[in-house]
Amino acid sequence: MQMKIIRSVDGLRFVAECDESRGFTPKAIECVLCGRTLDTRVQTVTISLGCSECKTIPQIFWSEAQMHVFIAENWNALRQQRSHARTKNEQQSG
């Protein structure tokens, strides 16, 4: 069974899927305001995660490395959120 999991933080929505065969799979980082998928490649002078549709910039970083650490930490938090929910469901059904 495939499950969609979501974590919203600082104006960004991290969306992933999880199933028994493939495990945790990050899918997209979206703008909370308009839902547009954000491009995580640095293309401007400002290193940021911003929405090209509604023009919001929820996160600005000092370096590209800092941005990638932020993204990795939030994917990890979403993965842990899924693991905790799964453990809780197993305890309730067991």
PDB file of N, CA and C in Angstrom:
ATOM      1  N   MET A   1       0.840  -1.174   0.000  1.00  0.00           N
ATOM      2  CA  MET A   1       0.000   0.000   0.000  1.00  0.00           C
ATOM      3  C   MET A   1       0.894   1.249   0.000  1.00  0.00           C
ATOM      4  N   GLN A   2       0.656   2.130  -0.933  1.00  0.00           N
ATOM      5  CA  GLN A   2       1.429   3.358  -1.042  1.00  0.00           C
ATOM      6  C   GLN A   2       0.756   4.458  -0.231  1.00  0.00           C
ATOM      7  N   MET A   3       1.585   5.197   0.542  1.00  0.00           N
ATOM      8  CA  MET A   3       1.061   6.244   1.393  1.00  0.00           C
ATOM      9  C   MET A   3       1.797   7.550   1.095  1.00  0.00           C
ATOM     10  N   LYS A   4       1.043   8.629   0.984  1.00  0.00           N
ATOM     11  CA  LYS A   4       1.627   9.953   0.795  1.00  0.00           C
ATOM     12  C   LYS A   4       1.808  10.582   2.172  1.00  0.00           C
ATOM     13  N   ILE A   5       3.001  11.117   2.435  1.00  0.00           N
ATOM     14  CA  ILE A   5       3.260  11.780   3.714  1.00  0.00           C
ATOM     15  C   ILE A   5       3.762  13.195   3.441  1.00  0.00           C
ATOM     16  N   ILE A   6       3.378  14.115   4.331  1.00  0.00           N
ATOM     17  CA  ILE A   6       3.645  15.538   4.122  1.00  0.00           C
ATOM     18  C   ILE A   6       4.162  16.163   5.408  1.00  0.00           C
ATOM     19  N   ARG A   7       5.117  17.084   5.261  1.00  0.00           N
ATOM     20  CA  ARG A   7       5.621  17.873   6.386  1.00  0.00           C
ATOM     21  C   ARG A   7       5.716  19.314   5.911  1.00  0.00           C
ATOM     22  N   SER A   8       5.071  20.226   6.625  1.00  0.00           N
ATOM     23  CA  SER A   8       5.140  21.650   6.295  1.00  0.00           C
ATOM     24  C   SER A   8       6.025  22.354   7.315  1.00  0.00           C
ATOM     25  N   VAL A   9       6.957  23.173   6.800  1.00  0.00           N
ATOM     26  CA  VAL A   9       7.877  23.911   7.668  1.00  0.00           C
ATOM     27  C   VAL A   9       8.324  25.182   6.947  1.00  0.00           C
ATOM     28  N   ASP A  10       8.233  26.306   7.636  1.00  0.00           N
ATOM     29  CA  ASP A  10       8.742  27.584   7.136  1.00  0.00           C
ATOM     30  C   ASP A  10       8.251  27.937   5.727  1.00  0.00           C
ATOM     31  N   GLY A  11       6.980  27.725   5.442  1.00  0.00           N
ATOM     32  CA  GLY A  11       6.421  28.083   4.144  1.00  0.00           C
ATOM     33  C   GLY A  11       6.677  27.072   3.046  1.00  0.00           C
ATOM     34  N   LEU A  12       7.260  25.939   3.404  1.00  0.00           N
ATOM     35  CA  LEU A  12       7.565  24.878   2.443  1.00  0.00           C
ATOM     36  C   LEU A  12       6.830  23.607   2.836  1.00  0.00           C
ATOM     37  N   ARG A  13       6.439  22.828   1.836  1.00  0.00           N
ATOM     38  CA  ARG A  13       5.767  21.548   2.082  1.00  0.00           C
ATOM     39  C   ARG A  13       6.619  20.445   1.452  1.00  0.00           C
ATOM     40  N   PHE A  14       7.123  19.535   2.300  1.00  0.00           N
ATOM     41  CA  PHE A  14       7.902  18.394   1.827  1.00  0.00           C
ATOM     42  C   PHE A  14       6.931  17.229   1.617  1.00  0.00           C
ATOM     43  N   VAL A  15       6.914  16.672   0.407  1.00  0.00           N
ATOM     44  CA  VAL A  15       5.976  15.610   0.060  1.00  0.00           C
ATOM     45  C   VAL A  15       6.776  14.365  -0.321  1.00  0.00           C
ATOM     46  N   ALA A  16       6.412  13.232   0.272  1.00  0.00           N
ATOM     47  CA  ALA A  16       7.081  11.970  -0.024  1.00  0.00           C
ATOM     48  C   ALA A  16       6.041  10.861  -0.114  1.00  0.00           C
ATOM     49  N   GLU A  17       6.475   9.732  -0.639  1.00  0.00           N
ATOM     50  CA  GLU A  17       5.635   8.542  -0.673  1.00  0.00           C
ATOM     51  C   GLU A  17       6.370   7.431   0.049  1.00  0.00           C
ATOM     52  N   CYS A  18       5.612   6.523   0.606  1.00  0.00           N
ATOM     53  CA  CYS A  18       6.195   5.413   1.337  1.00  0.00           C
ATOM     54  C   CYS A  18       5.373   4.161   1.045  1.00  0.00           C
ATOM     55  N   ASP A  19       6.068   3.079   0.697  1.00  0.00           N
ATOM     56  CA  ASP A  19       5.387   1.794   0.533  1.00  0.00           C
ATOM     57  C   ASP A  19       6.348   0.680   0.929  1.00  0.00           C
ATOM     58  N   GLU A  20       5.830  -0.517   1.040  1.00  0.00           N
ATOM     59  CA  GLU A  20       6.610  -1.653   1.520  1.00  0.00           C
ATOM     60  C   GLU A  20       7.741  -2.032   0.573  1.00  0.00           C
ATOM     61  N   SER A  21       7.531  -1.923  -0.729  1.00  0.00           N
ATOM     62  CA  SER A  21       8.546  -2.377  -1.679  1.00  0.00           C
ATOM     63  C   SER A  21       9.678  -1.376  -1.883  1.00  0.00           C
ATOM     64  N   ARG A  22       9.360  -0.080  -1.952  1.00  0.00           N
ATOM     65  CA  ARG A  22      10.391   0.924  -2.231  1.00  0.00           C
ATOM     66  C   ARG A  22      10.796   1.730  -1.012  1.00  0.00           C
ATOM     67  N   GLY A  23      10.049   1.646   0.068  1.00  0.00           N
ATOM     68  CA  GLY A  23      10.365   2.409   1.263  1.00  0.00           C
ATOM     69  C   GLY A  23      10.028   3.875   1.099  1.00  0.00           C
ATOM     70  N   PHE A  24      10.814   4.737   1.726  1.00  0.00           N
ATOM     71  CA  PHE A  24      10.601   6.176   1.725  1.00  0.00           C
ATOM     72  C   PHE A  24      11.158   6.776   0.434  1.00  0.00           C
ATOM     73  N   THR A  25      10.322   7.538  -0.302  1.00  0.00           N
ATOM     74  CA  THR A  25      10.744   8.160  -1.553  1.00  0.00           C
ATOM     75  C   THR A  25      10.352   9.630  -1.550  1.00  0.00           C
ATOM     76  N   PRO A  26      11.340  10.559  -1.428  1.00  0.00           N
ATOM     77  CA  PRO A  26      11.028  11.988  -1.526  1.00  0.00           C
ATOM     78  C   PRO A  26      10.469  12.312  -2.914  1.00  0.00           C
ATOM     79  N   LYS A  27       9.420  13.119  -2.986  1.00  0.00           N
ATOM     80  CA  LYS A  27       8.800  13.451  -4.266  1.00  0.00           C
ATOM     81  C   LYS A  27       8.968  14.914  -4.655  1.00  0.00           C
ATOM     82  N   ALA A  28       8.657  15.851  -3.739  1.00  0.00           N
ATOM     83  CA  ALA A  28       8.691  17.260  -4.120  1.00  0.00           C
ATOM     84  C   ALA A  28       8.766  18.158  -2.896  1.00  0.00           C
ATOM     85  N   ILE A  29       9.258  19.361  -3.136  1.00  0.00           N
ATOM     86  CA  ILE A  29       9.151  20.437  -2.156  1.00  0.00           C
ATOM     87  C   ILE A  29       8.254  21.472  -2.804  1.00  0.00           C
ATOM     88  N   GLU A  30       7.154  21.799  -2.138  1.00  0.00           N
ATOM     89  CA  GLU A  30       6.145  22.688  -2.705  1.00  0.00           C
ATOM     90  C   GLU A  30       6.018  23.972  -1.890  1.00  0.00           C
ATOM     91  N   CYS A  31       5.517  25.014  -2.526  1.00  0.00           N
ATOM     92  CA  CYS A  31       5.166  26.263  -1.857  1.00  0.00           C
ATOM     93  C   CYS A  31       3.858  26.029  -1.093  1.00  0.00           C
ATOM     94  N   VAL A  32       3.825  26.392   0.170  1.00  0.00           N
ATOM     95  CA  VAL A  32       2.608  26.217   0.974  1.00  0.00           C
ATOM     96  C   VAL A  32       1.492  27.128   0.456  1.00  0.00           C
ATOM     97  N   LEU A  33       1.850  28.312  -0.020  1.00  0.00           N
ATOM     98  CA  LEU A  33       0.829  29.272  -0.458  1.00  0.00           C
ATOM     99  C   LEU A  33       0.114  28.864  -1.739  1.00  0.00           C
ATOM    100  N   CYS A  34       0.866  28.447  -2.774  1.00  0.00           N
ATOM    101  CA  CYS A  34       0.219  28.170  -4.061  1.00  0.00           C
ATOM    102  C   CYS A  34       0.316  26.707  -4.502  1.00  0.00           C
ATOM    103  N   GLY A  35       1.132  25.897  -3.831  1.00  0.00           N
ATOM    104  CA  GLY A  35       1.233  24.482  -4.158  1.00  0.00           C
ATOM    105  C   GLY A  35       2.209  24.147  -5.277  1.00  0.00           C
ATOM    106  N   ARG A  36       2.876  25.141  -5.854  1.00  0.00           N
ATOM    107  CA  ARG A  36       3.811  24.901  -6.950  1.00  0.00           C
ATOM    108  C   ARG A  36       5.043  24.154  -6.439  1.00  0.00           C
ATOM    109  N   THR A  37       5.562  23.213  -7.244  1.00  0.00           N
ATOM    110  CA  THR A  37       6.784  22.500  -6.919  1.00  0.00           C
ATOM    111  C   THR A  37       7.978  23.426  -7.110  1.00  0.00           C
ATOM    112  N   LEU A  38       8.861  23.475  -6.094  1.00  0.00           N
ATOM    113  CA  LEU A  38      10.012  24.366  -6.138  1.00  0.00           C
ATOM    114  C   LEU A  38      11.213  23.680  -6.773  1.00  0.00           C
ATOM    115  N   ASP A  39      12.005  24.466  -7.479  1.00  0.00           N
ATOM    116  CA  ASP A  39      13.249  24.003  -8.070  1.00  0.00           C
ATOM    117  C   ASP A  39      14.338  24.199  -7.027  1.00  0.00           C
ATOM    118  N   THR A  40      15.062  23.145  -6.666  1.00  0.00           N
ATOM    119  CA  THR A  40      16.078  23.244  -5.623  1.00  0.00           C
ATOM    120  C   THR A  40      17.470  23.552  -6.170  1.00  0.00           C
ATOM    121  N   ARG A  41      17.577  23.780  -7.470  1.00  0.00           N
ATOM    122  CA  ARG A  41      18.870  24.156  -8.048  1.00  0.00           C
ATOM    123  C   ARG A  41      19.092  25.652  -7.872  1.00  0.00           C
ATOM    124  N   VAL A  42      20.300  26.023  -7.510  1.00  0.00           N
ATOM    125  CA  VAL A  42      20.644  27.430  -7.331  1.00  0.00           C
ATOM    126  C   VAL A  42      20.883  28.038  -8.715  1.00  0.00           C
ATOM    127  N   GLN A  43      20.062  29.043  -9.080  1.00  0.00           N
ATOM    128  CA  GLN A  43      20.167  29.649 -10.406  1.00  0.00           C
ATOM    129  C   GLN A  43      20.353  31.158 -10.343  1.00  0.00           C
ATOM    130  N   THR A  44      20.355  31.727  -9.162  1.00  0.00           N
ATOM    131  CA  THR A  44      20.463  33.173  -9.027  1.00  0.00           C
ATOM    132  C   THR A  44      21.567  33.526  -8.043  1.00  0.00           C
ATOM    133  N   VAL A  45      21.781  34.791  -7.870  1.00  0.00           N
ATOM    134  CA  VAL A  45      22.772  35.259  -6.902  1.00  0.00           C
ATOM    135  C   VAL A  45      22.350  34.876  -5.490  1.00  0.00           C
ATOM    136  N   THR A  46      21.061  34.946  -5.201  1.00  0.00           N
ATOM    137  CA  THR A  46      20.531  34.583  -3.889  1.00  0.00           C
ATOM    138  C   THR A  46      20.348  33.075  -3.818  1.00  0.00           C
ATOM    139  N   ILE A  47      20.881  32.465  -2.785  1.00  0.00           N
ATOM    140  CA  ILE A  47      20.703  31.028  -2.575  1.00  0.00           C
ATOM    141  C   ILE A  47      19.456  30.873  -1.724  1.00  0.00           C
ATOM    142  N   SER A  48      18.377  30.399  -2.351  1.00  0.00           N
ATOM    143  CA  SER A  48      17.104  30.361  -1.637  1.00  0.00           C
ATOM    144  C   SER A  48      16.207  29.266  -2.176  1.00  0.00           C
ATOM    145  N   LEU A  49      15.187  28.976  -1.402  1.00  0.00           N
ATOM    146  CA  LEU A  49      14.071  28.150  -1.852  1.00  0.00           C
ATOM    147  C   LEU A  49      12.899  29.103  -1.963  1.00  0.00           C
ATOM    148  N   GLY A  50      12.561  29.452  -3.167  1.00  0.00           N
ATOM    149  CA  GLY A  50      11.485  30.403  -3.397  1.00  0.00           C
ATOM    150  C   GLY A  50      10.558  29.910  -4.486  1.00  0.00           C
ATOM    151  N   CYS A  51       9.376  30.469  -4.517  1.00  0.00           N
ATOM    152  CA  CYS A  51       8.360  30.068  -5.480  1.00  0.00           C
ATOM    153  C   CYS A  51       8.352  31.048  -6.653  1.00  0.00           C
ATOM    154  N   SER A  52       8.509  30.526  -7.858  1.00  0.00           N
ATOM    155  CA  SER A  52       8.489  31.383  -9.043  1.00  0.00           C
ATOM    156  C   SER A  52       7.067  31.784  -9.425  1.00  0.00           C
ATOM    157  N   GLU A  53       6.073  31.088  -8.896  1.00  0.00           N
ATOM    158  CA  GLU A  53       4.670  31.391  -9.206  1.00  0.00           C
ATOM    159  C   GLU A  53       4.144  32.559  -8.376  1.00  0.00           C
ATOM    160  N   CYS A  54       4.205  32.435  -7.047  1.00  0.00           N
ATOM    161  CA  CYS A  54       3.656  33.491  -6.184  1.00  0.00           C
ATOM    162  C   CYS A  54       4.734  34.435  -5.655  1.00  0.00           C
ATOM    163  N   LYS A  55       5.981  34.183  -6.036  1.00  0.00           N
ATOM    164  CA  LYS A  55       7.130  35.062  -5.736  1.00  0.00           C
ATOM    165  C   LYS A  55       7.514  35.138  -4.255  1.00  0.00           C
ATOM    166  N   THR A  56       7.071  34.189  -3.444  1.00  0.00           N
ATOM    167  CA  THR A  56       7.498  34.169  -2.045  1.00  0.00           C
ATOM    168  C   THR A  56       8.861  33.496  -1.942  1.00  0.00           C
ATOM    169  N   ILE A  57       9.637  33.900  -0.959  1.00  0.00           N
ATOM    170  CA  ILE A  57      10.939  33.285  -0.697  1.00  0.00           C
ATOM    171  C   ILE A  57      10.972  32.923   0.784  1.00  0.00           C
ATOM    172  N   PRO A  58      10.462  31.725   1.122  1.00  0.00           N
ATOM    173  CA  PRO A  58      10.390  31.336   2.519  1.00  0.00           C
ATOM    174  C   PRO A  58      11.750  31.094   3.173  1.00  0.00           C
ATOM    175  N   GLN A  59      12.760  30.705   2.391  1.00  0.00           N
ATOM    176  CA  GLN A  59      14.060  30.384   2.970  1.00  0.00           C
ATOM    177  C   GLN A  59      15.185  30.971   2.122  1.00  0.00           C
ATOM    178  N   ILE A  60      16.116  31.683   2.780  1.00  0.00           N
ATOM    179  CA  ILE A  60      17.329  32.181   2.149  1.00  0.00           C
ATOM    180  C   ILE A  60      18.504  31.610   2.941  1.00  0.00           C
ATOM    181  N   PHE A  61      19.550  31.186   2.238  1.00  0.00           N
ATOM    182  CA  PHE A  61      20.678  30.508   2.874  1.00  0.00           C
ATOM    183  C   PHE A  61      21.981  31.247   2.605  1.00  0.00           C
ATOM    184  N   TRP A  62      22.962  31.028   3.484  1.00  0.00           N
ATOM    185  CA  TRP A  62      24.286  31.623   3.324  1.00  0.00           C
ATOM    186  C   TRP A  62      25.085  30.898   2.246  1.00  0.00           C
ATOM    187  N   SER A  63      24.808  29.610   2.069  1.00  0.00           N
ATOM    188  CA  SER A  63      25.557  28.826   1.084  1.00  0.00           C
ATOM    189  C   SER A  63      24.669  27.728   0.512  1.00  0.00           C
ATOM    190  N   GLU A  64      25.086  27.202  -0.623  1.00  0.00           N
ATOM    191  CA  GLU A  64      24.354  26.100  -1.228  1.00  0.00           C
ATOM    192  C   GLU A  64      24.412  24.869  -0.325  1.00  0.00           C
ATOM    193  N   ALA A  65      25.545  24.671   0.340  1.00  0.00           N
ATOM    194  CA  ALA A  65      25.680  23.549   1.275  1.00  0.00           C
ATOM    195  C   ALA A  65      24.667  23.661   2.412  1.00  0.00           C
ATOM    196  N   GLN A  66      24.480  24.872   2.942  1.00  0.00           N
ATOM    197  CA  GLN A  66      23.507  25.087   4.016  1.00  0.00           C
ATOM    198  C   GLN A  66      22.100  24.752   3.528  1.00  0.00           C
ATOM    199  N   MET A  67      21.779  25.122   2.285  1.00  0.00           N
ATOM    200  CA  MET A  67      20.467  24.818   1.730  1.00  0.00           C
ATOM    201  C   MET A  67      20.269  23.300   1.633  1.00  0.00           C
ATOM    202  N   HIS A  68      21.291  22.583   1.179  1.00  0.00           N
ATOM    203  CA  HIS A  68      21.171  21.128   1.041  1.00  0.00           C
ATOM    204  C   HIS A  68      21.059  20.439   2.397  1.00  0.00           C
ATOM    205  N   VAL A  69      21.726  20.975   3.407  1.00  0.00           N
ATOM    206  CA  VAL A  69      21.592  20.435   4.765  1.00  0.00           C
ATOM    207  C   VAL A  69      20.158  20.642   5.260  1.00  0.00           C
ATOM    208  N   PHE A  70      19.595  21.839   5.041  1.00  0.00           N
ATOM    209  CA  PHE A  70      18.215  22.123   5.430  1.00  0.00           C
ATOM    210  C   PHE A  70      17.246  21.137   4.762  1.00  0.00           C
ATOM    211  N   ILE A  71      17.426  20.921   3.473  1.00  0.00           N
ATOM    212  CA  ILE A  71      16.557  19.988   2.738  1.00  0.00           C
ATOM    213  C   ILE A  71      16.720  18.577   3.301  1.00  0.00           C
ATOM    214  N   ALA A  72      17.955  18.121   3.494  1.00  0.00           N
ATOM    215  CA  ALA A  72      18.201  16.773   4.004  1.00  0.00           C
ATOM    216  C   ALA A  72      17.616  16.591   5.402  1.00  0.00           C
ATOM    217  N   GLU A  73      17.763  17.588   6.259  1.00  0.00           N
ATOM    218  CA  GLU A  73      17.208  17.495   7.616  1.00  0.00           C
ATOM    219  C   GLU A  73      15.687  17.367   7.586  1.00  0.00           C
ATOM    220  N   ASN A  74      15.044  18.088   6.681  1.00  0.00           N
ATOM    221  CA  ASN A  74      13.581  18.013   6.609  1.00  0.00           C
ATOM    222  C   ASN A  74      13.101  16.722   5.973  1.00  0.00           C
ATOM    223  N   TRP A  75      13.829  16.184   4.986  1.00  0.00           N
ATOM    224  CA  TRP A  75      13.469  14.862   4.467  1.00  0.00           C
ATOM    225  C   TRP A  75      13.619  13.819   5.573  1.00  0.00           C
ATOM    226  N   ASN A  76      14.690  13.933   6.372  1.00  0.00           N
ATOM    227  CA  ASN A  76      14.907  12.995   7.466  1.00  0.00           C
ATOM    228  C   ASN A  76      13.798  13.104   8.511  1.00  0.00           C
ATOM    229  N   ALA A  77      13.381  14.330   8.835  1.00  0.00           N
ATOM    230  CA  ALA A  77      12.284  14.515   9.801  1.00  0.00           C
ATOM    231  C   ALA A  77      10.995  13.891   9.277  1.00  0.00           C
ATOM    232  N   LEU A  78      10.748  14.017   7.986  1.00  0.00           N
ATOM    233  CA  LEU A  78       9.551  13.412   7.393  1.00  0.00           C
ATOM    234  C   LEU A  78       9.643  11.891   7.441  1.00  0.00           C
ATOM    235  N   ARG A  79      10.821  11.347   7.160  1.00  0.00           N
ATOM    236  CA  ARG A  79      11.039   9.897   7.227  1.00  0.00           C
ATOM    237  C   ARG A  79      10.796   9.407   8.658  1.00  0.00           C
ATOM    238  N   GLN A  80      11.300  10.145   9.659  1.00  0.00           N
ATOM    239  CA  GLN A  80      11.098   9.761  11.057  1.00  0.00           C
ATOM    240  C   GLN A  80       9.634   9.871  11.459  1.00  0.00           C
ATOM    241  N   GLN A  81       8.953  10.897  10.947  1.00  0.00           N
ATOM    242  CA  GLN A  81       7.523  11.066  11.216  1.00  0.00           C
ATOM    243  C   GLN A  81       6.768   9.829  10.739  1.00  0.00           C
ATOM    244  N   ARG A  82       7.129   9.333   9.572  1.00  0.00           N
ATOM    245  CA  ARG A  82       6.492   8.136   9.013  1.00  0.00           C
ATOM    246  C   ARG A  82       6.800   6.915   9.876  1.00  0.00           C
ATOM    247  N   SER A  83       8.038   6.792  10.320  1.00  0.00           N
ATOM    248  CA  SER A  83       8.431   5.647  11.147  1.00  0.00           C
ATOM    249  C   SER A  83       7.688   5.635  12.475  1.00  0.00           C
ATOM    250  N   HIS A  84       7.548   6.813  13.100  1.00  0.00           N
ATOM    251  CA  HIS A  84       6.826   6.903  14.372  1.00  0.00           C
ATOM    252  C   HIS A  84       5.351   6.561  14.196  1.00  0.00           C
ATOM    253  N   ALA A  85       4.746   7.031  13.115  1.00  0.00           N
ATOM    254  CA  ALA A  85       3.337   6.736  12.849  1.00  0.00           C
ATOM    255  C   ALA A  85       3.150   5.244  12.595  1.00  0.00           C
ATOM    256  N   ARG A  86       4.082   4.663  11.880  1.00  0.00           N
ATOM    257  CA  ARG A  86       4.005   3.229  11.569  1.00  0.00           C
ATOM    258  C   ARG A  86       4.115   2.399  12.847  1.00  0.00           C
ATOM    259  N   THR A  87       5.060   2.742  13.726  1.00  0.00           N
ATOM    260  CA  THR A  87       5.238   2.044  14.997  1.00  0.00           C
ATOM    261  C   THR A  87       3.984   2.159  15.854  1.00  0.00           C
ATOM    262  N   LYS A  88       3.409   3.342  15.910  1.00  0.00           N
ATOM    263  CA  LYS A  88       2.186   3.564  16.691  1.00  0.00           C
ATOM    264  C   LYS A  88       1.027   2.719  16.152  1.00  0.00           C
ATOM    265  N   ASN A  89       0.878   2.640  14.826  1.00  0.00           N
ATOM    266  CA  ASN A  89      -0.185   1.831  14.223  1.00  0.00           C
ATOM    267  C   ASN A  89       0.022   0.346  14.516  1.00  0.00           C
ATOM    268  N   GLU A  90       1.274  -0.106  14.464  1.00  0.00           N
ATOM    269  CA  GLU A  90       1.560  -1.504  14.747  1.00  0.00           C
ATOM    270  C   GLU A  90       1.252  -1.843  16.207  1.00  0.00           C
ATOM    271  N   GLN A  91       1.545  -0.910  17.118  1.00  0.00           N
ATOM    272  CA  GLN A  91       1.264  -1.143  18.538  1.00  0.00           C
ATOM    273  C   GLN A  91      -0.239  -1.189  18.785  1.00  0.00           C
ATOM    274  N   GLN A  92      -1.005  -0.353  18.093  1.00  0.00           N
ATOM    275  CA  GLN A  92      -2.457  -0.327  18.284  1.00  0.00           C
ATOM    276  C   GLN A  92      -3.121  -1.573  17.705  1.00  0.00           C
ATOM    277  N   SER A  93      -2.585  -2.095  16.592  1.00  0.00           N
ATOM    278  CA  SER A  93      -3.198  -3.270  15.975  1.00  0.00           C
ATOM    279  C   SER A  93      -2.704  -4.567  16.571  1.00  0.00           C
ATOM    280  N   GLY A  94      -1.595  -4.516  17.305  1.00  0.00           N
ATOM    281  CA  GLY A  94      -0.970  -5.730  17.835  1.00  0.00           C
ATOM    282  C   GLY A  94      -1.478  -6.074  19.147  1.00  0.00           C
TER     283      GLY A  94
END
